[in-house]
Amino acid sequence: MISLLPSTRSWFEPFEANVGHQKDIKPLLQSLLVMAWVIEARDPYTGGHLWRVSQYCRLLAESLGLSKYEVARVTLGGFLHDLGKIGVSDLILKKPGRLSNEEYEAIKNHPETGARILIGHPLRELVKNAIIHHHERPDGAGYPFGLDEGNLPIDGRIVSICDAFDAMTSARPYRNNMPLEQALKNIKLNLHTQFDGNFGQIFIDLGRSGRLNTILGHTDQGIPIQKCMTCGPIIVVTRNQKSGEYIYCPNCRAEAVLEKTRREIVIHPSGRRGSAKSIQAKADMDLIGELVATSAAALAIY
C-alpha cells in the first residue's frame, strides 16, 4: 500500500497504529461502525448502502485471493468509506435532484473529512485507504488527489467499484435504479479509466454468475429493500424486528406495519404518521455485532 501524499501525511503522524497489539479491537470496531450507520441514516435514500458495499467488497476481495486479514480490512473499509459525509450539508445530501457544480465540489470533500475524523484513532491505518481513496480513478481523473493507476491502493480500487455499482443499482429521487446487467455494462465500458481493469472484470464475472443477487436490493442478508409508499425513501427493516411492529419512513414519518413470514418480508401502510422520536436513528446492533465478530476473528485480535 502507498502512503498518503505529502500534503496529507501530517494528519496521521501522531502515532502509527499497531493493530496486532490491541487487546480488544471489538469496542473500537463497534464505535466506528455505529458512527457510520448513524451518518448513513441522515440520507433517507441510502438505507443499506454501507452493508451492501461492504458485502460486495468482501466477495470481490475473496475472489481476488486476498488473505482473511485483507478481506476483513477491505470489508470494514467498505462499511466505513462514507464517514466523511458527516461534514456534508443535509441540503446537499437530501437534495431531490442532481447536484450543481458547487454542491458537487462540496461533496468531493468527504474522503478527506473522513480521514480527518480518524486522526488519533487506533484503527485508522486499517481503513484509511478505503476512506480517502475510494473516489480515485486509474486514469488520474478522480479525487481528492488525482492518483493514477500505479499509485492506487488496493482498498480504494475495490471500494470504488463496489460503491459505484451500488449507486447505479439504487434508486434516487431523480432517477430509478439501474438493472444489474446495465450497471455491469457501465463498469465494463469504464475499465482502466474509472475502474481498475482486472478488479472490475472480476466484479463483472461475479455479477453475471449470480453471486451478487443476495446483496443487490437488500438492506441485510435475506431482507429485501422496503420503500415508503408515500414518498419513496428506504425504510430499513432489521433482523430482530417482529411481525406486527410499527416502522416509519425516515423522510415523511409515514407509519407501516411489518409482516414477516418464511417466504417474504413486506410492509403495510397504516395511514398514520409517527412522531419525530419515531425516526431517531438507531443502529442495527445485530448486524454490526456480526460484522465486528467476524472481522475481529479474521484479524486475530481478541
C-alpha atoms as a PDB file:
ATOM      1  CA  MET A   1       0.000   0.000   0.000  1.00  0.00           C
ATOM      2  CA  ILE A   2       1.093   3.531  -0.635  1.00  0.00           C
ATOM      3  CA  SER A   3       1.406   6.325   1.869  1.00  0.00           C
ATOM      4  CA  LEU A   4      -0.814   9.373   1.681  1.00  0.00           C
ATOM      5  CA  LEU A   5       0.515  12.220  -0.393  1.00  0.00           C
ATOM      6  CA  PRO A   6       2.864  14.632   1.403  1.00  0.00           C
ATOM      7  CA  SER A   7       0.107  17.213   1.799  1.00  0.00           C
ATOM      8  CA  THR A   8      -1.886  14.812   3.946  1.00  0.00           C
ATOM      9  CA  ARG A   9       0.743  12.780   5.796  1.00  0.00           C
ATOM     10  CA  SER A  10       0.701  15.140   8.770  1.00  0.00           C
ATOM     11  CA  TRP A  11      -2.880  14.087   9.557  1.00  0.00           C
ATOM     12  CA  PHE A  12      -1.606  10.646  10.525  1.00  0.00           C
ATOM     13  CA  GLU A  13       1.809  11.226  12.050  1.00  0.00           C
ATOM     14  CA  PRO A  14       0.949  11.471  15.792  1.00  0.00           C
ATOM     15  CA  PHE A  15       1.467   7.712  16.036  1.00  0.00           C
ATOM     16  CA  GLU A  16       1.442   4.548  13.952  1.00  0.00           C
ATOM     17  CA  ALA A  17      -1.381   2.186  14.847  1.00  0.00           C
ATOM     18  CA  ASN A  18      -0.228  -1.324  15.672  1.00  0.00           C
ATOM     19  CA  VAL A  19      -3.408  -3.319  15.300  1.00  0.00           C
ATOM     20  CA  GLY A  20      -1.772  -6.500  16.466  1.00  0.00           C
ATOM     21  CA  HIS A  21      -1.177  -5.014  19.917  1.00  0.00           C
ATOM     22  CA  GLN A  22      -4.794  -4.022  20.534  1.00  0.00           C
ATOM     23  CA  LYS A  23      -6.036  -6.220  23.387  1.00  0.00           C
ATOM     24  CA  ASP A  24      -9.682  -5.911  22.382  1.00  0.00           C
ATOM     25  CA  ILE A  25     -10.468  -4.491  18.997  1.00  0.00           C
ATOM     26  CA  LYS A  26     -14.201  -5.151  19.215  1.00  0.00           C
ATOM     27  CA  PRO A  27     -15.267  -1.971  21.082  1.00  0.00           C
ATOM     28  CA  LEU A  28     -13.139   0.109  18.706  1.00  0.00           C
ATOM     29  CA  LEU A  29     -14.698  -1.515  15.653  1.00  0.00           C
ATOM     30  CA  GLN A  30     -18.177  -1.162  17.070  1.00  0.00           C
ATOM     31  CA  SER A  31     -17.738   2.539  17.751  1.00  0.00           C
ATOM     32  CA  LEU A  32     -16.710   3.184  14.125  1.00  0.00           C
ATOM     33  CA  LEU A  33     -19.467   1.062  12.616  1.00  0.00           C
ATOM     34  CA  VAL A  34     -22.166   2.652  14.766  1.00  0.00           C
ATOM     35  CA  MET A  35     -20.943   6.102  13.767  1.00  0.00           C
ATOM     36  CA  ALA A  36     -21.026   5.115  10.088  1.00  0.00           C
ATOM     37  CA  TRP A  37     -24.553   3.733  10.470  1.00  0.00           C
ATOM     38  CA  VAL A  38     -25.855   6.922  12.061  1.00  0.00           C
ATOM     39  CA  ILE A  39     -24.203   9.054   9.378  1.00  0.00           C
ATOM     40  CA  GLU A  40     -25.838   6.952   6.661  1.00  0.00           C
ATOM     41  CA  ALA A  41     -29.226   7.380   8.337  1.00  0.00           C
ATOM     42  CA  ARG A  42     -29.102  11.110   7.518  1.00  0.00           C
ATOM     43  CA  ASP A  43     -29.934  10.291   3.890  1.00  0.00           C
ATOM     44  CA  PRO A  44     -33.317   8.545   3.607  1.00  0.00           C
ATOM     45  CA  TYR A  45     -32.496   7.126   0.167  1.00  0.00           C
ATOM     46  CA  THR A  46     -29.305   5.265   1.048  1.00  0.00           C
ATOM     47  CA  GLY A  47     -30.505   2.753   3.659  1.00  0.00           C
ATOM     48  CA  GLY A  48     -28.434  -0.423   3.465  1.00  0.00           C
ATOM     49  CA  HIS A  49     -25.772   1.169   1.234  1.00  0.00           C
ATOM     50  CA  LEU A  50     -22.934   0.560   3.689  1.00  0.00           C
ATOM     51  CA  TRP A  51     -23.918  -3.060   4.259  1.00  0.00           C
ATOM     52  CA  ARG A  52     -24.229  -3.734   0.534  1.00  0.00           C
ATOM     53  CA  VAL A  53     -20.918  -2.069  -0.312  1.00  0.00           C
ATOM     54  CA  SER A  54     -19.137  -3.960   2.466  1.00  0.00           C
ATOM     55  CA  GLN A  55     -20.531  -7.271   1.228  1.00  0.00           C
ATOM     56  CA  TYR A  56     -19.651  -6.563  -2.406  1.00  0.00           C
ATOM     57  CA  CYS A  57     -16.153  -5.684  -1.175  1.00  0.00           C
ATOM     58  CA  ARG A  58     -15.936  -8.962   0.723  1.00  0.00           C
ATOM     59  CA  LEU A  59     -16.909 -11.027  -2.321  1.00  0.00           C
ATOM     60  CA  LEU A  60     -14.508  -9.170  -4.607  1.00  0.00           C
ATOM     61  CA  ALA A  61     -11.637  -9.383  -2.121  1.00  0.00           C
ATOM     62  CA  GLU A  62     -12.212 -13.119  -1.676  1.00  0.00           C
ATOM     63  CA  SER A  63     -12.345 -13.592  -5.458  1.00  0.00           C
ATOM     64  CA  LEU A  64      -9.001 -11.806  -5.752  1.00  0.00           C
ATOM     65  CA  GLY A  65      -7.486 -14.401  -3.435  1.00  0.00           C
ATOM     66  CA  LEU A  66      -6.672 -11.976  -0.642  1.00  0.00           C
ATOM     67  CA  SER A  67      -5.884 -13.298   2.827  1.00  0.00           C
ATOM     68  CA  LYS A  68      -8.557 -13.417   5.522  1.00  0.00           C
ATOM     69  CA  TYR A  69      -6.899 -10.432   7.187  1.00  0.00           C
ATOM     70  CA  GLU A  70      -7.025  -8.420   3.948  1.00  0.00           C
ATOM     71  CA  VAL A  71     -10.614  -9.458   3.246  1.00  0.00           C
ATOM     72  CA  ALA A  72     -11.644  -8.285   6.727  1.00  0.00           C
ATOM     73  CA  ARG A  73      -9.806  -4.988   6.251  1.00  0.00           C
ATOM     74  CA  VAL A  74     -11.418  -4.300   2.872  1.00  0.00           C
ATOM     75  CA  THR A  75     -14.861  -5.320   4.152  1.00  0.00           C
ATOM     76  CA  LEU A  76     -14.554  -2.859   7.032  1.00  0.00           C
ATOM     77  CA  GLY A  77     -13.329  -0.176   4.642  1.00  0.00           C
ATOM     78  CA  GLY A  78     -16.421  -0.725   2.532  1.00  0.00           C
ATOM     79  CA  PHE A  79     -18.659  -0.141   5.531  1.00  0.00           C
ATOM     80  CA  LEU A  80     -16.745   2.931   6.687  1.00  0.00           C
ATOM     81  CA  HIS A  81     -15.926   4.604   3.351  1.00  0.00           C
ATOM     82  CA  ASP A  82     -18.511   7.390   3.700  1.00  0.00           C
ATOM     83  CA  LEU A  83     -17.629   8.529   7.239  1.00  0.00           C
ATOM     84  CA  GLY A  84     -16.742  11.955   5.859  1.00  0.00           C
ATOM     85  CA  LYS A  85     -20.320  12.632   4.789  1.00  0.00           C
ATOM     86  CA  ILE A  86     -20.893  13.840   8.335  1.00  0.00           C
ATOM     87  CA  GLY A  87     -19.411  17.111   7.021  1.00  0.00           C
ATOM     88  CA  VAL A  88     -21.817  17.390   4.083  1.00  0.00           C
ATOM     89  CA  SER A  89     -24.856  19.627   4.466  1.00  0.00           C
ATOM     90  CA  ASP A  90     -28.288  17.982   4.723  1.00  0.00           C
ATOM     91  CA  LEU A  91     -29.402  20.321   1.946  1.00  0.00           C
ATOM     92  CA  ILE A  92     -26.940  18.567  -0.366  1.00  0.00           C
ATOM     93  CA  LEU A  93     -27.404  15.012   0.907  1.00  0.00           C
ATOM     94  CA  LYS A  94     -31.189  15.225   0.704  1.00  0.00           C
ATOM     95  CA  LYS A  95     -31.476  17.302  -2.445  1.00  0.00           C
ATOM     96  CA  PRO A  96     -34.249  15.759  -4.626  1.00  0.00           C
ATOM     97  CA  GLY A  97     -32.339  16.380  -7.843  1.00  0.00           C
ATOM     98  CA  ARG A  98     -28.908  16.465  -9.397  1.00  0.00           C
ATOM     99  CA  LEU A  99     -26.192  18.452  -7.663  1.00  0.00           C
ATOM    100  CA  SER A 100     -24.941  21.769  -9.014  1.00  0.00           C
ATOM    101  CA  ASN A 101     -21.237  22.132  -9.724  1.00  0.00           C
ATOM    102  CA  GLU A 102     -20.774  23.990  -6.450  1.00  0.00           C
ATOM    103  CA  GLU A 103     -22.633  21.305  -4.486  1.00  0.00           C
ATOM    104  CA  TYR A 104     -20.596  18.585  -6.176  1.00  0.00           C
ATOM    105  CA  GLU A 105     -17.390  20.354  -5.177  1.00  0.00           C
ATOM    106  CA  ALA A 106     -18.645  20.407  -1.575  1.00  0.00           C
ATOM    107  CA  ILE A 107     -19.409  16.688  -1.533  1.00  0.00           C
ATOM    108  CA  LYS A 108     -15.977  15.928  -3.001  1.00  0.00           C
ATOM    109  CA  ASN A 109     -14.512  16.916   0.366  1.00  0.00           C
ATOM    110  CA  HIS A 110     -15.917  13.859   2.134  1.00  0.00           C
ATOM    111  CA  PRO A 111     -12.939  11.486   1.664  1.00  0.00           C
ATOM    112  CA  GLU A 112     -10.559  13.949   3.321  1.00  0.00           C
ATOM    113  CA  THR A 113     -13.118  14.744   6.016  1.00  0.00           C
ATOM    114  CA  GLY A 114     -13.411  11.036   6.750  1.00  0.00           C
ATOM    115  CA  ALA A 115      -9.644  10.767   7.069  1.00  0.00           C
ATOM    116  CA  ARG A 116      -9.571  13.721   9.487  1.00  0.00           C
ATOM    117  CA  ILE A 117     -12.246  12.071  11.651  1.00  0.00           C
ATOM    118  CA  LEU A 118      -9.850   9.176  12.197  1.00  0.00           C
ATOM    119  CA  ILE A 119      -6.940  11.293  13.423  1.00  0.00           C
ATOM    120  CA  GLY A 120      -5.708   9.664  16.612  1.00  0.00           C
ATOM    121  CA  HIS A 121      -7.986   6.613  16.275  1.00  0.00           C
ATOM    122  CA  PRO A 122      -6.109   3.337  16.907  1.00  0.00           C
ATOM    123  CA  LEU A 123      -7.652   1.684  13.822  1.00  0.00           C
ATOM    124  CA  ARG A 124      -7.115   4.442  11.303  1.00  0.00           C
ATOM    125  CA  GLU A 125      -4.290   2.587   9.493  1.00  0.00           C
ATOM    126  CA  LEU A 126      -6.650  -0.329   8.953  1.00  0.00           C
ATOM    127  CA  VAL A 127      -9.272   1.594   6.986  1.00  0.00           C
ATOM    128  CA  LYS A 128      -7.820   4.947   5.911  1.00  0.00           C
ATOM    129  CA  ASN A 129      -7.028   3.871   2.337  1.00  0.00           C
ATOM    130  CA  ALA A 130     -10.610   2.818   1.686  1.00  0.00           C
ATOM    131  CA  ILE A 131     -11.920   6.064   3.139  1.00  0.00           C
ATOM    132  CA  ILE A 132      -9.619   8.541   1.438  1.00  0.00           C
ATOM    133  CA  HIS A 133      -9.080   6.809  -1.921  1.00  0.00           C
ATOM    134  CA  HIS A 134     -12.468   5.330  -2.900  1.00  0.00           C
ATOM    135  CA  HIS A 135     -13.128   8.126  -5.429  1.00  0.00           C
ATOM    136  CA  GLU A 136      -9.730   7.957  -7.119  1.00  0.00           C
ATOM    137  CA  ARG A 137      -9.521   6.574 -10.678  1.00  0.00           C
ATOM    138  CA  PRO A 138      -6.864   4.692 -12.675  1.00  0.00           C
ATOM    139  CA  ASP A 139      -6.866   7.460 -15.297  1.00  0.00           C
ATOM    140  CA  GLY A 140      -5.990  10.082 -12.675  1.00  0.00           C
ATOM    141  CA  ALA A 141      -9.302  11.952 -13.006  1.00  0.00           C
ATOM    142  CA  GLY A 142     -10.562  11.070  -9.543  1.00  0.00           C
ATOM    143  CA  TYR A 143     -10.391  12.893  -6.226  1.00  0.00           C
ATOM    144  CA  PRO A 144      -9.119  14.088  -3.800  1.00  0.00           C
ATOM    145  CA  PHE A 145      -5.538  13.661  -5.118  1.00  0.00           C
ATOM    146  CA  GLY A 146      -5.917  12.591  -8.749  1.00  0.00           C
ATOM    147  CA  LEU A 147      -3.748   9.496  -8.225  1.00  0.00           C
ATOM    148  CA  ASP A 148      -3.064   7.356 -11.288  1.00  0.00           C
ATOM    149  CA  GLU A 149      -3.271   3.600 -11.730  1.00  0.00           C
ATOM    150  CA  GLY A 150       0.210   2.862 -10.431  1.00  0.00           C
ATOM    151  CA  ASN A 151      -0.417   4.653  -7.138  1.00  0.00           C
ATOM    152  CA  LEU A 152      -3.880   3.461  -6.134  1.00  0.00           C
ATOM    153  CA  PRO A 153      -4.048   1.248  -3.021  1.00  0.00           C
ATOM    154  CA  ILE A 154      -5.972  -1.993  -3.356  1.00  0.00           C
ATOM    155  CA  ASP A 155      -8.610  -0.965  -0.791  1.00  0.00           C
ATOM    156  CA  GLY A 156      -9.536   2.155  -2.733  1.00  0.00           C
ATOM    157  CA  ARG A 157      -9.691   0.253  -6.028  1.00  0.00           C
ATOM    158  CA  ILE A 158     -12.074  -2.349  -4.585  1.00  0.00           C
ATOM    159  CA  VAL A 159     -14.353   0.078  -2.750  1.00  0.00           C
ATOM    160  CA  SER A 160     -14.517   2.349  -5.810  1.00  0.00           C
ATOM    161  CA  ILE A 161     -16.090  -0.414  -7.911  1.00  0.00           C
ATOM    162  CA  CYS A 162     -18.473  -1.619  -5.205  1.00  0.00           C
ATOM    163  CA  ASP A 163     -19.588   1.886  -4.211  1.00  0.00           C
ATOM    164  CA  ALA A 164     -20.276   2.898  -7.823  1.00  0.00           C
ATOM    165  CA  PHE A 165     -22.140  -0.337  -8.558  1.00  0.00           C
ATOM    166  CA  ASP A 166     -24.418   0.155  -5.551  1.00  0.00           C
ATOM    167  CA  ALA A 167     -25.051   3.776  -6.518  1.00  0.00           C
ATOM    168  CA  MET A 168     -26.032   2.704 -10.035  1.00  0.00           C
ATOM    169  CA  THR A 169     -28.356  -0.065  -8.849  1.00  0.00           C
ATOM    170  CA  SER A 170     -30.049   2.049  -6.143  1.00  0.00           C
ATOM    171  CA  ALA A 171     -32.936   4.465  -6.732  1.00  0.00           C
ATOM    172  CA  ARG A 172     -32.633   8.189  -6.116  1.00  0.00           C
ATOM    173  CA  PRO A 173     -35.299  10.935  -6.078  1.00  0.00           C
ATOM    174  CA  TYR A 174     -34.303  11.987  -9.599  1.00  0.00           C
ATOM    175  CA  ARG A 175     -33.838   8.541 -11.219  1.00  0.00           C
ATOM    176  CA  ASN A 176     -34.773   4.871 -10.998  1.00  0.00           C
ATOM    177  CA  ASN A 177     -32.310   2.169 -10.083  1.00  0.00           C
ATOM    178  CA  MET A 178     -30.337   0.684 -12.967  1.00  0.00           C
ATOM    179  CA  PRO A 179     -30.823  -3.032 -13.801  1.00  0.00           C
ATOM    180  CA  LEU A 180     -27.959  -5.338 -12.873  1.00  0.00           C
ATOM    181  CA  GLU A 181     -26.809  -6.033 -16.418  1.00  0.00           C
ATOM    182  CA  GLN A 182     -26.794  -2.356 -17.372  1.00  0.00           C
ATOM    183  CA  ALA A 183     -24.686  -1.494 -14.313  1.00  0.00           C
ATOM    184  CA  LEU A 184     -22.230  -4.263 -15.222  1.00  0.00           C
ATOM    185  CA  LYS A 185     -22.035  -2.930 -18.782  1.00  0.00           C
ATOM    186  CA  ASN A 186     -21.257   0.525 -17.413  1.00  0.00           C
ATOM    187  CA  ILE A 187     -18.400  -0.910 -15.383  1.00  0.00           C
ATOM    188  CA  LYS A 188     -17.161  -2.745 -18.486  1.00  0.00           C
ATOM    189  CA  LEU A 189     -17.181   0.479 -20.503  1.00  0.00           C
ATOM    190  CA  ASN A 190     -15.109   2.231 -17.842  1.00  0.00           C
ATOM    191  CA  LEU A 191     -12.439  -0.368 -17.142  1.00  0.00           C
ATOM    192  CA  HIS A 192      -8.937   1.149 -16.937  1.00  0.00           C
ATOM    193  CA  THR A 193     -10.419   4.670 -16.756  1.00  0.00           C
ATOM    194  CA  GLN A 194     -12.830   4.906 -13.806  1.00  0.00           C
ATOM    195  CA  PHE A 195     -12.274   1.362 -12.558  1.00  0.00           C
ATOM    196  CA  ASP A 196      -9.331  -0.986 -12.149  1.00  0.00           C
ATOM    197  CA  GLY A 197      -9.335  -3.227 -15.227  1.00  0.00           C
ATOM    198  CA  ASN A 198      -8.590  -6.549 -13.525  1.00  0.00           C
ATOM    199  CA  PHE A 199     -10.717  -5.964 -10.431  1.00  0.00           C
ATOM    200  CA  GLY A 200     -13.579  -4.591 -12.489  1.00  0.00           C
ATOM    201  CA  GLN A 201     -13.672  -7.626 -14.778  1.00  0.00           C
ATOM    202  CA  ILE A 202     -13.723  -9.988 -11.811  1.00  0.00           C
ATOM    203  CA  PHE A 203     -16.609  -7.993 -10.317  1.00  0.00           C
ATOM    204  CA  ILE A 204     -18.478  -8.237 -13.641  1.00  0.00           C
ATOM    205  CA  ASP A 205     -17.962 -12.003 -13.607  1.00  0.00           C
ATOM    206  CA  LEU A 206     -19.342 -12.146 -10.053  1.00  0.00           C
ATOM    207  CA  GLY A 207     -22.422 -10.246 -11.153  1.00  0.00           C
ATOM    208  CA  ARG A 208     -23.068 -12.422 -14.202  1.00  0.00           C
ATOM    209  CA  SER A 209     -22.635 -15.593 -12.149  1.00  0.00           C
ATOM    210  CA  GLY A 210     -25.452 -14.508  -9.810  1.00  0.00           C
ATOM    211  CA  ARG A 211     -23.251 -14.189  -6.743  1.00  0.00           C
ATOM    212  CA  LEU A 212     -24.302 -10.571  -6.101  1.00  0.00           C
ATOM    213  CA  ASN A 213     -28.019 -11.347  -6.119  1.00  0.00           C
ATOM    214  CA  THR A 214     -28.430 -11.938  -2.378  1.00  0.00           C
ATOM    215  CA  ILE A 215     -26.921  -8.495  -1.714  1.00  0.00           C
ATOM    216  CA  LEU A 216     -28.451  -6.466  -4.544  1.00  0.00           C
ATOM    217  CA  GLY A 217     -31.772  -4.953  -3.482  1.00  0.00           C
ATOM    218  CA  HIS A 218     -31.327  -5.887   0.186  1.00  0.00           C
ATOM    219  CA  THR A 219     -30.518  -3.990   3.378  1.00  0.00           C
ATOM    220  CA  ASP A 220     -29.259  -7.100   5.202  1.00  0.00           C
ATOM    221  CA  GLN A 221     -28.957 -10.782   4.384  1.00  0.00           C
ATOM    222  CA  GLY A 222     -32.427 -12.033   3.464  1.00  0.00           C
ATOM    223  CA  ILE A 223     -34.120  -8.648   3.983  1.00  0.00           C
ATOM    224  CA  PRO A 224     -35.272  -7.014   0.729  1.00  0.00           C
ATOM    225  CA  ILE A 225     -35.329  -3.220   0.470  1.00  0.00           C
ATOM    226  CA  GLN A 226     -38.621  -1.755   1.682  1.00  0.00           C
ATOM    227  CA  LYS A 227     -39.717   1.616   0.335  1.00  0.00           C
ATOM    228  CA  CYS A 228     -42.116   4.165   1.719  1.00  0.00           C
ATOM    229  CA  MET A 229     -45.299   4.010  -0.356  1.00  0.00           C
ATOM    230  CA  THR A 230     -45.994   7.655   0.420  1.00  0.00           C
ATOM    231  CA  CYS A 231     -42.758   9.388  -0.630  1.00  0.00           C
ATOM    232  CA  GLY A 232     -40.319   6.695  -1.817  1.00  0.00           C
ATOM    233  CA  PRO A 233     -37.282   6.550   0.512  1.00  0.00           C
ATOM    234  CA  ILE A 234     -35.988   3.325   2.060  1.00  0.00           C
ATOM    235  CA  ILE A 235     -37.435   2.041   5.324  1.00  0.00           C
ATOM    236  CA  VAL A 236     -34.759  -0.183   6.843  1.00  0.00           C
ATOM    237  CA  VAL A 237     -36.035  -3.390   8.443  1.00  0.00           C
ATOM    238  CA  THR A 238     -33.706  -5.032  10.947  1.00  0.00           C
ATOM    239  CA  ARG A 239     -33.377  -8.736  11.552  1.00  0.00           C
ATOM    240  CA  ASN A 240     -34.614  -8.529  15.155  1.00  0.00           C
ATOM    241  CA  GLN A 241     -37.885  -6.777  14.317  1.00  0.00           C
ATOM    242  CA  LYS A 242     -41.020  -8.911  14.530  1.00  0.00           C
ATOM    243  CA  SER A 243     -44.248  -9.117  12.569  1.00  0.00           C
ATOM    244  CA  GLY A 244     -46.758  -6.590  13.822  1.00  0.00           C
ATOM    245  CA  GLU A 245     -44.161  -3.978  14.777  1.00  0.00           C
ATOM    246  CA  TYR A 246     -44.606  -0.445  13.523  1.00  0.00           C
ATOM    247  CA  ILE A 247     -41.860   1.060  11.380  1.00  0.00           C
ATOM    248  CA  TYR A 248     -41.568   4.555   9.974  1.00  0.00           C
ATOM    249  CA  CYS A 249     -40.349   6.327   6.868  1.00  0.00           C
ATOM    250  CA  PRO A 250     -37.221   8.335   7.787  1.00  0.00           C
ATOM    251  CA  ASN A 251     -38.371  11.141   5.479  1.00  0.00           C
ATOM    252  CA  CYS A 252     -42.128  11.691   5.888  1.00  0.00           C
ATOM    253  CA  ARG A 253     -42.667   9.590   9.065  1.00  0.00           C
ATOM    254  CA  ALA A 254     -45.394   7.525   7.378  1.00  0.00           C
ATOM    255  CA  GLU A 255     -46.204   4.537   9.588  1.00  0.00           C
ATOM    256  CA  ALA A 256     -46.286   0.950   8.313  1.00  0.00           C
ATOM    257  CA  VAL A 257     -46.856  -2.459   9.883  1.00  0.00           C
ATOM    258  CA  LEU A 258     -44.167  -5.068   9.362  1.00  0.00           C
ATOM    259  CA  GLU A 259     -45.119  -8.535   8.182  1.00  0.00           C
ATOM    260  CA  LYS A 260     -42.506 -11.278   8.279  1.00  0.00           C
ATOM    261  CA  THR A 261     -43.168 -14.783   7.023  1.00  0.00           C
ATOM    262  CA  ARG A 262     -40.895 -17.640   5.999  1.00  0.00           C
ATOM    263  CA  ARG A 263     -41.293 -16.612   2.378  1.00  0.00           C
ATOM    264  CA  GLU A 264     -41.256 -12.832   2.422  1.00  0.00           C
ATOM    265  CA  ILE A 265     -40.914  -9.574   4.297  1.00  0.00           C
ATOM    266  CA  VAL A 266     -43.388  -6.815   3.446  1.00  0.00           C
ATOM    267  CA  ILE A 267     -44.733  -3.635   5.000  1.00  0.00           C
ATOM    268  CA  HIS A 268     -48.314  -2.383   5.004  1.00  0.00           C
ATOM    269  CA  PRO A 269     -49.083   1.347   5.372  1.00  0.00           C
ATOM    270  CA  SER A 270     -51.279   2.157   8.372  1.00  0.00           C
ATOM    271  CA  GLY A 271     -52.306   5.608   7.133  1.00  0.00           C
ATOM    272  CA  ARG A 272     -50.814   7.245  10.218  1.00  0.00           C
ATOM    273  CA  ARG A 273     -47.636   9.257  10.829  1.00  0.00           C
ATOM    274  CA  GLY A 274     -45.137   8.807  13.596  1.00  0.00           C
ATOM    275  CA  SER A 275     -43.632  11.376  15.909  1.00  0.00           C
ATOM    276  CA  ALA A 276     -40.232  12.956  15.463  1.00  0.00           C
ATOM    277  CA  LYS A 277     -38.945  10.493  18.060  1.00  0.00           C
ATOM    278  CA  SER A 278     -40.107   7.546  15.951  1.00  0.00           C
ATOM    279  CA  ILE A 279     -37.457   8.264  13.294  1.00  0.00           C
ATOM    280  CA  GLN A 280     -34.475   8.750  15.560  1.00  0.00           C
ATOM    281  CA  ALA A 281     -31.503   6.918  14.071  1.00  0.00           C
ATOM    282  CA  LYS A 282     -30.973   3.565  15.776  1.00  0.00           C
ATOM    283  CA  ALA A 283     -28.009   1.475  14.717  1.00  0.00           C
ATOM    284  CA  ASP A 284     -28.701  -2.178  13.906  1.00  0.00           C
ATOM    285  CA  MET A 285     -26.567  -3.692  16.631  1.00  0.00           C
ATOM    286  CA  ASP A 286     -27.204  -7.270  15.475  1.00  0.00           C
ATOM    287  CA  LEU A 287     -25.819  -6.570  12.001  1.00  0.00           C
ATOM    288  CA  ILE A 288     -22.956  -4.507  13.416  1.00  0.00           C
ATOM    289  CA  GLY A 289     -22.199  -7.107  16.081  1.00  0.00           C
ATOM    290  CA  GLU A 290     -21.918  -9.832  13.455  1.00  0.00           C
ATOM    291  CA  LEU A 291     -19.523  -7.764  11.340  1.00  0.00           C
ATOM    292  CA  VAL A 292     -17.459  -6.882  14.414  1.00  0.00           C
ATOM    293  CA  ALA A 293     -17.200 -10.532  15.461  1.00  0.00           C
ATOM    294  CA  THR A 294     -16.206 -11.863  12.028  1.00  0.00           C
ATOM    295  CA  SER A 295     -13.744  -9.022  11.477  1.00  0.00           C
ATOM    296  CA  ALA A 296     -12.090  -9.456  14.865  1.00  0.00           C
ATOM    297  CA  ALA A 297     -11.743 -13.181  14.281  1.00  0.00           C
ATOM    298  CA  ALA A 298     -10.147 -12.634  10.863  1.00  0.00           C
ATOM    299  CA  LEU A 299      -7.794 -10.015  12.256  1.00  0.00           C
ATOM    300  CA  ALA A 300      -6.885 -12.494  15.028  1.00  0.00           C
ATOM    301  CA  ILE A 301      -7.426  -9.895  17.773  1.00  0.00           C
ATOM    302  CA  TYR A 302      -9.436 -10.554  20.918  1.00  0.00           C
END
